[in-house]
Amino acid sequence: MAERPSKQSSSFPKHGSMCLPLAEVLSYNLEIEEGDGFIGDQASKSALLDIIQGLRDLLPENADPLGDDPMEEFGKDRLDTLLTEGDFAAAGLLHAAIEEFSGRLEKIIRRFLRLKAWRETERIVIGGGVRQSRMGQIAIGRTATLLRKGGIDIRPVRHHPDEAGLIGAVHLAPSWIFAGHDSILALDIGGSNIRAGVVRLDIGKHPDLTGVEVWQSELWSHSDEDPKRDEAVDRTAEMLQRLLRKADKEGLHLAPFIGVGCPGVIGEDGSIDRGAQNLPGNWESKGFNLPDELRDRVPRIGDHETLVLVHNDAVVQGLSEAPFCRDVGHWAALTIGTGLGNASYATRDAEDE
């Protein structure tokens, strides 16, 4: 896990920095053990599917409203259709699963709120793949209702989860790095997918960075191909190079910067200490440095050498909300996907930015 060290200057950005332009990162990648595993395992995409299957198993033979198909054949779109357009029995089963999942998520959040780094949290934003489904949105709403008595503001990440992990990369670096430029390259590396994108800053109209948006992106589902680590980095760099060419053709002025969200605890040198076990190959090896590998493959952007900044993926996705959390002193983010990512923040005063 990573928690706040002594406060450091953000004048020049560092990988995994705990002091960022809009927020101080108080903690991320916290792991709470329960039984033989971690409490976060109880609220993930696979956990939700397991709950649905458990409810199906309780039904009499030939009485399953979802039919005979195994759970791996139920993608989020199919489940959402059953929830909104299916018969009453199918919708009822899925609502029961949502209720159980929401109860688990409430319990997990209450456990986090007892931790020192989360104790003053006023708002929690929830992202990740589960958030983009209708089932996930209802689960977040139900959890918000359960926690309302505690005065905690629970809300989904406002951007589409596929874009939030790219947009948050803008807030890894101070604004002077983007001077004279209108966009950046960003990477969101996950246990199943890697997404690369061009993020437009729109600083002229929105100097507070509330107008940041993804201009174009590419997705690669690496879990479908099981590549080796170097193959995965090569493929990622190819996506970045294609986006570079498209942005240049469009007349965008890319900053010489690539912001990266990646699972795990990130060292100041860009190494990954632990938590990257779902990525293809060994990304935690002492002989592997992700920012160096990306710089080797994308050495220059425009007329300048490329600066790569890496941070934890939950931290980065949560940072997409940073411009909209100026009204609270402490806030946190949970990302529900392959696993449960977490990060907590303290809003930095304007004079510190």
Protein backbone atom coordinates (compact mmCIF):
# COMPACT_ATOMS: atom_id res chain seq x y z
CA MET A 1 0.00 0.00 0.00
CA ALA A 2 1.06 3.63 -0.36
CA GLU A 3 0.38 6.36 2.17
CA ARG A 4 1.42 9.98 2.45
CA PRO A 5 5.09 10.68 3.23
CA SER A 6 6.38 14.08 4.31
CA LYS A 7 5.10 16.83 2.01
CA GLN A 8 7.21 17.42 -1.07
CA SER A 9 7.36 20.16 -3.67
CA SER A 10 5.49 19.64 -6.94
CA SER A 11 7.67 22.17 -8.85
CA PHE A 12 9.04 19.31 -10.94
CA PRO A 13 6.86 16.24 -11.32
CA LYS A 14 7.88 12.81 -10.10
CA HIS A 15 6.51 9.37 -10.82
CA GLY A 16 4.03 8.30 -8.16
CA SER A 17 4.18 11.75 -6.55
CA MET A 18 2.01 12.28 -3.49
CA CYS A 19 1.94 16.05 -4.08
CA LEU A 20 0.17 17.00 -7.30
CA PRO A 21 -0.99 20.36 -8.67
CA LEU A 22 -4.62 20.15 -7.50
CA ALA A 23 -4.43 17.55 -4.74
CA GLU A 24 -2.19 15.86 -2.23
CA VAL A 25 -2.51 12.09 -2.48
CA LEU A 26 -3.01 10.76 1.04
CA SER A 27 -3.07 7.06 0.13
CA TYR A 28 -3.61 4.62 -2.69
CA ASN A 29 -3.55 0.89 -3.33
CA LEU A 30 -4.49 0.22 0.30
CA GLU A 31 -5.13 -3.46 1.00
CA ILE A 32 -7.44 -4.55 3.82
CA GLU A 33 -7.20 -8.24 4.57
CA GLU A 34 -10.25 -10.27 5.51
CA GLY A 35 -10.17 -14.03 5.92
CA ASP A 36 -7.96 -15.57 3.26
CA GLY A 37 -8.16 -12.60 0.91
CA PHE A 38 -8.64 -8.85 0.64
CA ILE A 39 -11.87 -7.03 1.29
CA GLY A 40 -11.71 -5.39 -2.14
CA ASP A 41 -12.22 -8.79 -3.76
CA GLN A 42 -15.81 -8.67 -2.53
CA ALA A 43 -16.67 -5.70 -4.77
CA SER A 44 -15.27 -6.28 -8.25
CA LYS A 45 -16.71 -7.13 -11.62
CA SER A 46 -16.17 -10.85 -11.02
CA ALA A 47 -17.70 -10.56 -7.53
CA LEU A 48 -20.90 -9.14 -9.03
CA LEU A 49 -21.09 -12.02 -11.51
CA ASP A 50 -20.48 -14.50 -8.68
CA ILE A 51 -23.38 -13.00 -6.74
CA ILE A 52 -25.69 -13.39 -9.74
CA GLN A 53 -24.58 -17.00 -10.21
CA GLY A 54 -25.10 -17.70 -6.51
CA LEU A 55 -28.69 -16.52 -6.75
CA ARG A 56 -29.23 -18.64 -9.85
CA ASP A 57 -27.93 -21.70 -8.00
CA LEU A 58 -30.64 -21.28 -5.35
CA LEU A 59 -33.45 -21.61 -7.87
CA PRO A 60 -35.26 -24.87 -8.63
CA GLU A 61 -34.21 -26.77 -11.75
CA ASN A 62 -35.51 -25.20 -14.98
CA ALA A 63 -36.63 -22.09 -13.08
CA ASP A 64 -33.64 -19.84 -13.88
CA PRO A 65 -35.01 -16.68 -15.60
CA LEU A 66 -31.59 -16.15 -17.21
CA GLY A 67 -31.76 -19.49 -19.00
CA ASP A 68 -29.03 -22.08 -19.31
CA ASP A 69 -26.13 -19.86 -20.45
CA PRO A 70 -23.11 -19.68 -18.10
CA MET A 71 -22.23 -16.32 -16.54
CA GLU A 72 -19.20 -15.79 -18.80
CA GLU A 73 -21.62 -15.31 -21.69
CA PHE A 74 -23.37 -12.41 -19.96
CA GLY A 75 -21.64 -9.16 -20.83
CA LYS A 76 -22.70 -5.88 -19.25
CA ASP A 77 -24.89 -4.94 -22.23
CA ARG A 78 -26.83 -8.20 -22.04
CA LEU A 79 -27.32 -7.87 -18.29
CA ASP A 80 -28.44 -4.26 -18.64
CA THR A 81 -30.99 -5.28 -21.27
CA LEU A 82 -32.36 -7.98 -18.97
CA LEU A 83 -32.51 -5.46 -16.14
CA THR A 84 -34.45 -2.88 -18.11
CA GLU A 85 -36.34 -4.94 -20.70
CA GLY A 86 -36.38 -8.52 -19.38
CA ASP A 87 -39.30 -10.23 -17.68
CA PHE A 88 -40.05 -9.55 -14.04
CA ALA A 89 -38.22 -12.68 -12.80
CA ALA A 90 -34.94 -11.85 -14.60
CA ALA A 91 -35.09 -8.21 -13.52
CA GLY A 92 -35.93 -9.25 -9.97
CA LEU A 93 -32.94 -11.59 -9.78
CA LEU A 94 -30.60 -8.86 -11.02
CA HIS A 95 -32.02 -6.33 -8.57
CA ALA A 96 -31.43 -8.83 -5.76
CA ALA A 97 -27.80 -9.14 -6.92
CA ILE A 98 -27.47 -5.35 -6.96
CA GLU A 99 -28.79 -5.18 -3.40
CA GLU A 100 -26.23 -7.70 -2.16
CA PHE A 101 -23.39 -6.05 -4.08
CA SER A 102 -24.36 -2.62 -2.71
CA GLY A 103 -24.33 -4.00 0.83
CA ARG A 104 -20.82 -5.32 0.29
CA LEU A 105 -19.68 -2.01 -1.16
CA GLU A 106 -21.16 -0.11 1.78
CA LYS A 107 -19.28 -2.39 4.19
CA ILE A 108 -16.02 -1.88 2.29
CA ILE A 109 -16.40 1.90 2.26
CA ARG A 110 -17.09 1.96 5.99
CA ARG A 111 -13.88 -0.04 6.53
CA PHE A 112 -11.91 2.44 4.45
CA LEU A 113 -13.42 5.38 6.34
CA ARG A 114 -11.94 4.00 9.57
CA LEU A 115 -8.44 4.29 8.14
CA LYS A 116 -6.40 7.38 9.02
CA ALA A 117 -5.96 8.48 5.39
CA TRP A 118 -9.72 8.27 4.76
CA ARG A 119 -11.05 9.53 8.07
CA GLU A 120 -11.86 13.08 6.92
CA THR A 121 -13.29 12.05 3.54
CA GLU A 122 -16.32 14.12 2.52
CA ARG A 123 -16.90 12.77 -0.99
CA ILE A 124 -16.22 9.47 -2.75
CA VAL A 125 -16.28 9.19 -6.54
CA ILE A 126 -16.70 5.74 -8.05
CA GLY A 127 -15.36 4.75 -11.45
CA GLY A 128 -14.08 1.67 -13.23
CA GLY A 129 -15.76 -0.64 -15.70
CA VAL A 130 -18.69 -1.54 -13.44
CA ARG A 131 -19.68 2.14 -13.24
CA GLN A 132 -20.45 2.32 -16.97
CA SER A 133 -23.16 -0.36 -16.82
CA ARG A 134 -26.72 0.36 -15.74
CA MET A 135 -26.37 -2.33 -13.07
CA GLY A 136 -23.27 -0.62 -11.75
CA GLN A 137 -24.91 2.80 -11.72
CA ILE A 138 -27.87 1.47 -9.73
CA ALA A 139 -25.47 -0.23 -7.31
CA ILE A 140 -23.64 3.07 -6.79
CA GLY A 141 -26.95 4.86 -6.22
CA ARG A 142 -28.07 2.24 -3.74
CA THR A 143 -24.75 2.44 -1.88
CA ALA A 144 -25.08 6.22 -1.76
CA THR A 145 -28.49 5.80 -0.11
CA LEU A 146 -27.09 3.37 2.45
CA LEU A 147 -24.30 5.79 3.37
CA ARG A 148 -26.34 8.98 3.34
CA LYS A 149 -26.84 8.95 7.11
CA GLY A 150 -23.08 9.14 7.54
CA GLY A 151 -22.97 12.39 5.59
CA ILE A 152 -20.76 10.92 2.87
CA ASP A 153 -21.37 12.18 -0.66
CA ILE A 154 -21.17 9.19 -3.04
CA ARG A 155 -21.32 9.81 -6.77
CA PRO A 156 -20.15 8.18 -10.00
CA VAL A 157 -17.15 9.63 -11.83
CA ARG A 158 -18.70 12.18 -14.20
CA HIS A 159 -16.70 11.17 -17.27
CA HIS A 160 -17.14 7.82 -18.98
CA PRO A 161 -14.76 5.43 -17.16
CA ASP A 162 -12.90 4.74 -20.41
CA GLU A 163 -12.13 8.46 -20.64
CA ALA A 164 -11.65 9.33 -16.95
CA GLY A 165 -8.46 7.25 -16.80
CA LEU A 166 -7.04 9.36 -19.64
CA ILE A 167 -8.38 12.76 -18.53
CA GLY A 168 -6.91 12.36 -15.04
CA ALA A 169 -3.40 12.22 -16.53
CA VAL A 170 -3.62 15.97 -17.18
CA HIS A 171 -3.48 16.55 -13.42
CA LEU A 172 -0.22 14.67 -12.90
CA ALA A 173 1.88 17.62 -14.04
CA PRO A 174 1.93 21.37 -13.34
CA SER A 175 0.40 23.60 -15.99
CA TRP A 176 3.71 25.12 -17.09
CA ILE A 177 4.54 21.84 -18.84
CA PHE A 178 1.55 22.40 -21.14
CA ALA A 179 2.32 26.06 -21.98
CA GLY A 180 1.88 26.68 -25.70
CA HIS A 181 0.16 23.34 -26.26
CA ASP A 182 -3.46 22.30 -26.53
CA SER A 183 -3.37 18.55 -25.87
CA ILE A 184 -1.43 15.62 -24.41
CA LEU A 185 -1.04 11.88 -24.89
CA ALA A 186 -2.35 9.64 -22.11
CA LEU A 187 -2.33 5.93 -21.30
CA ASP A 188 -4.69 3.93 -19.09
CA ILE A 189 -3.17 0.49 -18.46
CA GLY A 190 -5.46 -2.11 -16.92
CA GLY A 191 -5.60 -5.80 -16.17
CA SER A 192 -7.71 -6.51 -19.26
CA ASN A 193 -7.26 -3.51 -21.56
CA ILE A 194 -4.80 -0.80 -22.48
CA ARG A 195 -6.25 2.47 -23.77
CA ALA A 196 -4.26 5.28 -25.37
CA GLY A 197 -5.74 8.68 -26.11
CA VAL A 198 -5.24 12.28 -27.10
CA VAL A 199 -6.66 14.58 -24.43
CA ARG A 200 -7.57 18.15 -25.37
CA LEU A 201 -6.93 20.71 -22.63
CA ASP A 202 -9.12 23.65 -23.73
CA ILE A 203 -7.24 25.90 -21.30
CA GLY A 204 -8.26 29.05 -23.19
CA LYS A 205 -11.98 28.59 -22.46
CA HIS A 206 -11.54 26.65 -19.21
CA PRO A 207 -8.36 27.69 -17.34
CA ASP A 208 -9.55 25.66 -14.36
CA LEU A 209 -9.27 22.50 -16.54
CA THR A 210 -12.97 21.65 -16.25
CA GLY A 211 -13.24 21.47 -20.05
CA VAL A 212 -10.68 18.70 -20.59
CA GLU A 213 -11.94 16.00 -22.96
CA VAL A 214 -10.70 13.00 -24.93
CA TRP A 215 -10.33 13.89 -28.61
CA GLN A 216 -9.57 10.39 -29.86
CA SER A 217 -8.51 7.06 -28.32
CA GLU A 218 -7.56 3.48 -29.15
CA LEU A 219 -8.29 0.35 -27.12
CA TRP A 220 -6.40 -2.92 -27.06
CA SER A 221 -7.81 -5.88 -25.09
CA HIS A 222 -4.52 -7.57 -24.26
CA SER A 223 -6.22 -10.22 -22.12
CA ASP A 224 -7.63 -11.73 -25.33
CA GLU A 225 -4.14 -12.30 -26.76
CA ASP A 226 -1.90 -13.10 -23.76
CA PRO A 227 1.18 -11.24 -25.11
CA LYS A 228 4.63 -11.12 -23.54
CA ARG A 229 5.57 -7.97 -21.65
CA ASP A 230 7.76 -6.46 -24.38
CA GLU A 231 5.12 -7.24 -26.98
CA ALA A 232 2.58 -5.38 -24.86
CA VAL A 233 4.84 -2.32 -24.58
CA ASP A 234 5.53 -2.42 -28.34
CA ARG A 235 1.81 -2.56 -29.08
CA THR A 236 1.16 0.31 -26.66
CA ALA A 237 3.83 2.46 -28.30
CA GLU A 238 2.33 1.74 -31.73
CA MET A 239 -1.01 3.10 -30.51
CA LEU A 240 0.72 6.24 -29.24
CA GLN A 241 2.57 6.76 -32.51
CA ARG A 242 -0.65 6.40 -34.52
CA LEU A 243 -2.36 8.94 -32.31
CA LEU A 244 0.63 11.27 -32.66
CA ARG A 245 0.29 11.18 -36.44
CA LYS A 246 -3.47 11.75 -36.31
CA ALA A 247 -3.09 14.69 -33.93
CA ASP A 248 -0.39 16.23 -36.13
CA LYS A 249 -2.59 15.84 -39.21
CA GLU A 250 -5.45 17.52 -37.32
CA GLY A 251 -3.19 20.43 -36.39
CA LEU A 252 -3.18 19.79 -32.66
CA HIS A 253 -0.19 21.00 -30.66
CA LEU A 254 0.74 18.10 -28.40
CA ALA A 255 2.80 18.81 -25.30
CA PRO A 256 5.95 16.64 -25.08
CA PHE A 257 4.28 14.64 -22.34
CA ILE A 258 2.71 11.21 -21.83
CA GLY A 259 0.66 10.70 -18.66
CA VAL A 260 0.24 7.08 -17.61
CA GLY A 261 -2.08 5.34 -15.17
CA CYS A 262 -0.89 1.83 -14.27
CA PRO A 263 -1.85 -0.71 -11.57
CA GLY A 264 0.42 -1.02 -8.57
CA VAL A 265 2.56 1.02 -6.21
CA ILE A 266 4.68 3.39 -8.31
CA GLY A 267 8.21 4.36 -7.26
CA GLU A 268 9.78 7.78 -7.89
CA ASP A 269 11.89 6.21 -10.65
CA GLY A 270 8.76 4.85 -12.37
CA SER A 271 9.28 1.28 -11.23
CA ILE A 272 6.30 -0.80 -10.08
CA ASP A 273 6.80 -2.19 -6.60
CA ARG A 274 3.74 -4.49 -6.45
CA GLY A 275 0.15 -4.75 -7.60
CA ALA A 276 0.74 -5.30 -11.33
CA GLN A 277 0.14 -9.06 -11.28
CA ASN A 278 -2.73 -8.85 -13.80
CA LEU A 279 -0.55 -7.25 -16.49
CA PRO A 280 1.04 -9.38 -19.23
CA GLY A 281 4.45 -10.57 -18.06
CA ASN A 282 6.44 -9.33 -15.07
CA TRP A 283 6.10 -5.55 -14.84
CA GLU A 284 7.51 -5.57 -11.30
CA SER A 285 10.95 -6.82 -12.38
CA LYS A 286 13.91 -4.69 -11.25
CA GLY A 287 15.12 -4.78 -14.84
CA PHE A 288 11.94 -3.21 -16.22
CA ASN A 289 11.13 0.50 -16.14
CA LEU A 290 7.92 1.50 -17.93
CA PRO A 291 8.70 5.22 -18.49
CA ASP A 292 12.12 4.37 -19.90
CA GLU A 293 10.58 1.77 -22.22
CA LEU A 294 8.02 4.28 -23.49
CA ARG A 295 10.61 7.01 -23.99
CA ASP A 296 12.75 4.60 -26.00
CA ARG A 297 9.80 3.95 -28.32
CA VAL A 298 8.40 7.51 -28.39
CA PRO A 299 11.57 9.60 -27.87
CA ARG A 300 10.25 12.93 -29.13
CA ILE A 301 6.95 14.72 -29.46
CA GLY A 302 7.27 17.67 -31.80
CA ASP A 303 10.61 19.40 -31.25
CA HIS A 304 11.14 18.21 -27.68
CA GLU A 305 12.17 15.09 -25.82
CA THR A 306 9.27 13.18 -24.34
CA LEU A 307 8.50 13.41 -20.63
CA VAL A 308 6.66 10.36 -19.28
CA LEU A 309 4.92 10.46 -15.90
CA VAL A 310 3.48 7.30 -14.31
CA HIS A 311 1.09 7.00 -11.38
CA ASN A 312 -1.32 4.42 -10.03
CA ASP A 313 -4.38 3.94 -12.27
CA ALA A 314 -6.94 4.53 -9.49
CA VAL A 315 -5.13 7.75 -8.53
CA VAL A 316 -5.24 8.93 -12.14
CA GLN A 317 -8.90 8.07 -12.68
CA GLY A 318 -9.80 9.82 -9.45
CA LEU A 319 -7.84 12.91 -10.53
CA SER A 320 -10.30 13.40 -13.40
CA GLU A 321 -12.61 14.73 -10.66
CA ALA A 322 -10.02 17.05 -9.10
CA PRO A 323 -11.29 20.29 -10.71
CA PHE A 324 -14.81 19.46 -9.52
CA CYS A 325 -13.81 18.68 -5.92
CA ARG A 326 -12.56 22.14 -5.04
CA ASP A 327 -15.55 22.54 -2.72
CA VAL A 328 -14.39 19.80 -0.34
CA GLY A 329 -11.21 19.43 1.68
CA HIS A 330 -10.89 15.65 1.49
CA TRP A 331 -12.20 13.23 -1.08
CA ALA A 332 -11.51 9.72 -2.36
CA ALA A 333 -11.94 7.47 -5.37
CA LEU A 334 -12.82 3.82 -5.84
CA THR A 335 -12.50 2.05 -9.19
CA ILE A 336 -14.49 -1.15 -9.62
CA GLY A 337 -13.22 -3.38 -12.41
CA THR A 338 -10.92 -6.40 -12.50
CA GLY A 339 -10.17 -5.45 -8.88
CA LEU A 340 -11.07 -2.61 -6.53
CA GLY A 341 -8.71 0.34 -6.85
CA ASN A 342 -8.63 3.08 -4.22
CA ALA A 343 -7.11 6.49 -3.61
CA SER A 344 -7.69 9.35 -1.17
CA TYR A 345 -6.82 13.03 -1.57
CA ALA A 346 -6.65 16.38 0.19
CA THR A 347 -7.50 19.39 -1.96
CA ARG A 348 -4.57 21.75 -2.28
CA ASP A 349 -5.09 25.46 -1.56
CA ALA A 350 -5.00 27.77 -4.54
CA GLU A 351 -1.81 29.44 -3.35
CA ASP A 352 -0.07 26.04 -3.37
CA GLU A 353 -0.83 25.34 -7.04
